[in-house]
Amino acid sequence: MGFDLLFKVLNIVFGIVYAWWVCMSKTYATLGELRTGSFIIIDGEPCRIVEITKAKTGKHGSAKAHVVAVSLFTGSKKTLIAPVDQRVEVPIVDKRVGQVIADMGNMVQVMDLETYETFEIEKPSDPELAGKLKPGVEVEYWEVLGRRIIMRTR
């Protein structure tokens, strides 16, 4: 009985810590500070900015920014139009190196080369990159908002 209670309490604590970590893996910036190639969170999805244009509106209007970005995980195009002085969320991108341990169909098992942690990552949608993922290959993966994505082989 005592171990069951301890296990439940630890499970709750780890859940809270994980939720805090996911929330803290972003920062804030004003829209006017961002450039092409920067990262931004649009509709809760981390994106890379591919185009940003700024336009000054009428005599009493504020300058507006039109941002076109591509989602890191889905590849879908996202658009944001807002004042340049608006604060927006910017994801913290943790770029890490790992080694492929096993190929498991649409997933690969990867071991981080710094912490030796093993985890599973979904294979990239790019068939050329997915074809290179074999056991023993080193990969660069990004950790963004608690999710991981393989970006390239090394």
Protein backbone atom coordinates (compact mmCIF):
# COMPACT_ATOMS: atom_id res chain seq x y z
CA MET A 1 0.00 0.00 0.00
CA GLY A 2 2.80 2.44 0.87
CA PHE A 3 4.63 1.92 -2.43
CA ASP A 4 1.44 2.49 -4.42
CA LEU A 5 0.94 5.86 -2.77
CA LEU A 6 4.60 6.80 -3.29
CA PHE A 7 4.37 5.81 -6.96
CA LYS A 8 1.22 7.93 -7.45
CA VAL A 9 2.80 10.97 -5.78
CA LEU A 10 6.00 10.65 -7.87
CA ASN A 11 3.93 10.28 -11.03
CA ILE A 12 2.06 13.50 -10.22
CA VAL A 13 5.28 15.37 -9.41
CA PHE A 14 6.97 14.24 -12.65
CA GLY A 15 3.86 15.28 -14.60
CA ILE A 16 3.97 18.76 -13.07
CA VAL A 17 7.71 19.12 -13.73
CA TYR A 18 7.26 18.00 -17.36
CA ALA A 19 4.39 20.47 -17.89
CA TRP A 20 6.51 23.27 -16.42
CA TRP A 21 9.46 22.34 -18.63
CA VAL A 22 7.31 22.37 -21.79
CA CYS A 23 5.88 25.77 -20.87
CA MET A 24 9.31 27.19 -20.11
CA SER A 25 10.83 26.10 -23.43
CA LYS A 26 9.73 29.34 -25.05
CA THR A 27 10.56 33.00 -24.68
CA TYR A 28 9.06 36.26 -25.93
CA ALA A 29 10.15 38.87 -28.48
CA THR A 30 8.52 41.75 -30.30
CA LEU A 31 7.44 41.00 -33.84
CA GLY A 32 9.61 43.81 -35.21
CA GLU A 33 12.79 42.12 -33.89
CA LEU A 34 12.25 38.90 -35.86
CA ARG A 35 13.87 38.26 -39.24
CA THR A 36 13.62 35.66 -42.01
CA GLY A 37 14.97 32.38 -40.64
CA SER A 38 13.91 33.17 -37.05
CA PHE A 39 11.53 30.91 -35.17
CA ILE A 40 8.05 31.84 -33.95
CA ILE A 41 5.07 30.05 -32.41
CA ILE A 42 1.88 30.50 -34.46
CA ASP A 43 -1.30 28.75 -33.24
CA GLY A 44 0.76 26.71 -30.75
CA GLU A 45 2.96 25.30 -33.54
CA PRO A 46 6.72 26.11 -33.74
CA CYS A 47 7.52 27.61 -37.16
CA ARG A 48 10.46 29.02 -39.13
CA ILE A 49 9.83 32.42 -40.72
CA VAL A 50 10.25 32.31 -44.51
CA GLU A 51 9.00 35.82 -45.28
CA ILE A 52 8.31 38.92 -43.22
CA THR A 53 7.16 42.28 -44.55
CA LYS A 54 6.50 45.42 -42.57
CA ALA A 55 4.17 48.20 -43.67
CA LYS A 56 3.36 51.52 -42.07
CA THR A 57 -0.37 52.12 -42.22
CA GLY A 58 -2.15 55.50 -42.26
CA LYS A 59 -1.32 58.73 -40.45
CA HIS A 60 -2.38 57.48 -37.00
CA GLY A 61 -2.07 53.74 -37.55
CA SER A 62 0.68 51.54 -36.22
CA ALA A 63 3.13 49.64 -38.39
CA LYS A 64 1.98 46.12 -39.23
CA ALA A 65 4.01 43.00 -39.95
CA HIS A 66 2.91 40.22 -42.26
CA VAL A 67 4.67 36.96 -41.34
CA VAL A 68 4.67 33.81 -43.47
CA ALA A 69 6.13 30.80 -41.68
CA VAL A 70 6.41 27.03 -42.17
CA SER A 71 5.70 24.60 -39.34
CA LEU A 72 8.73 22.60 -38.19
CA PHE A 73 6.70 19.43 -37.58
CA THR A 74 3.95 19.40 -40.21
CA GLY A 75 5.45 21.58 -42.97
CA SER A 76 2.20 23.53 -43.25
CA LYS A 77 2.24 27.24 -44.08
CA LYS A 78 1.08 29.64 -41.34
CA THR A 79 0.37 33.35 -41.60
CA LEU A 80 0.32 36.06 -38.93
CA ILE A 81 -0.57 39.74 -39.34
CA ALA A 82 0.02 41.88 -36.26
CA PRO A 83 1.50 45.21 -35.10
CA VAL A 84 5.33 45.22 -35.07
CA ASP A 85 5.39 46.10 -31.35
CA GLN A 86 3.29 43.05 -30.40
CA ARG A 87 5.01 40.48 -28.20
CA VAL A 88 5.03 36.98 -29.69
CA GLU A 89 6.19 33.59 -28.43
CA VAL A 90 9.53 32.32 -29.71
CA PRO A 91 10.41 28.65 -29.14
CA ILE A 92 13.75 27.69 -27.63
CA VAL A 93 15.31 25.25 -30.09
CA ASP A 94 17.71 22.76 -28.49
CA LYS A 95 19.95 21.34 -31.23
CA ARG A 96 21.47 17.99 -30.20
CA VAL A 97 23.36 15.05 -31.68
CA GLY A 98 22.33 11.42 -31.37
CA GLN A 99 23.01 8.02 -32.87
CA VAL A 100 20.38 5.80 -34.47
CA ILE A 101 20.10 2.57 -32.47
CA ALA A 102 17.28 0.79 -34.30
CA ASP A 103 14.93 1.26 -37.26
CA MET A 104 11.37 0.37 -36.24
CA GLY A 105 9.31 1.07 -39.36
CA ASN A 106 8.00 4.65 -39.18
CA MET A 107 10.00 5.33 -35.97
CA VAL A 108 13.70 5.21 -35.13
CA GLN A 109 15.28 4.69 -31.73
CA VAL A 110 17.95 7.30 -31.04
CA MET A 111 20.53 7.62 -28.25
CA ASP A 112 21.67 11.11 -27.30
CA LEU A 113 25.49 11.21 -27.52
CA GLU A 114 25.81 13.61 -24.57
CA THR A 115 23.34 12.22 -22.01
CA TYR A 116 23.08 8.61 -23.37
CA GLU A 117 19.29 8.86 -23.06
CA THR A 118 17.40 6.66 -25.55
CA PHE A 119 14.06 7.61 -27.09
CA GLU A 120 11.95 7.09 -30.18
CA ILE A 121 11.50 9.72 -32.89
CA GLU A 122 9.16 9.61 -35.86
CA LYS A 123 10.98 9.27 -39.18
CA PRO A 124 11.12 12.48 -41.25
CA SER A 125 8.69 12.85 -44.15
CA ASP A 126 11.60 13.55 -46.54
CA PRO A 127 12.26 10.16 -48.21
CA GLU A 128 15.93 10.98 -48.91
CA LEU A 129 16.65 11.72 -45.24
CA ALA A 130 14.52 8.78 -44.04
CA GLY A 131 16.50 6.45 -46.33
CA LYS A 132 19.78 7.45 -44.66
CA LEU A 133 18.56 6.51 -41.17
CA LYS A 134 20.23 3.20 -40.41
CA PRO A 135 21.64 1.85 -37.11
CA GLY A 136 24.97 3.51 -36.27
CA VAL A 137 24.31 6.74 -38.19
CA GLU A 138 24.74 10.02 -36.28
CA VAL A 139 21.89 12.51 -36.62
CA GLU A 140 21.20 16.07 -35.59
CA TYR A 141 17.82 16.36 -33.91
CA TRP A 142 16.02 19.36 -32.51
CA GLU A 143 13.99 19.44 -29.34
CA VAL A 144 11.26 22.09 -29.55
CA LEU A 145 8.36 22.51 -27.10
CA GLY A 146 8.88 19.02 -25.71
CA ARG A 147 8.84 17.36 -29.16
CA ARG A 148 11.79 16.01 -31.16
CA ILE A 149 12.46 16.07 -34.90
CA ILE A 150 15.41 14.72 -36.91
CA MET A 151 16.83 17.47 -39.11
CA ARG A 152 19.85 15.89 -40.85
CA THR A 153 22.48 13.18 -40.73
CA ARG A 154 26.08 13.96 -39.78
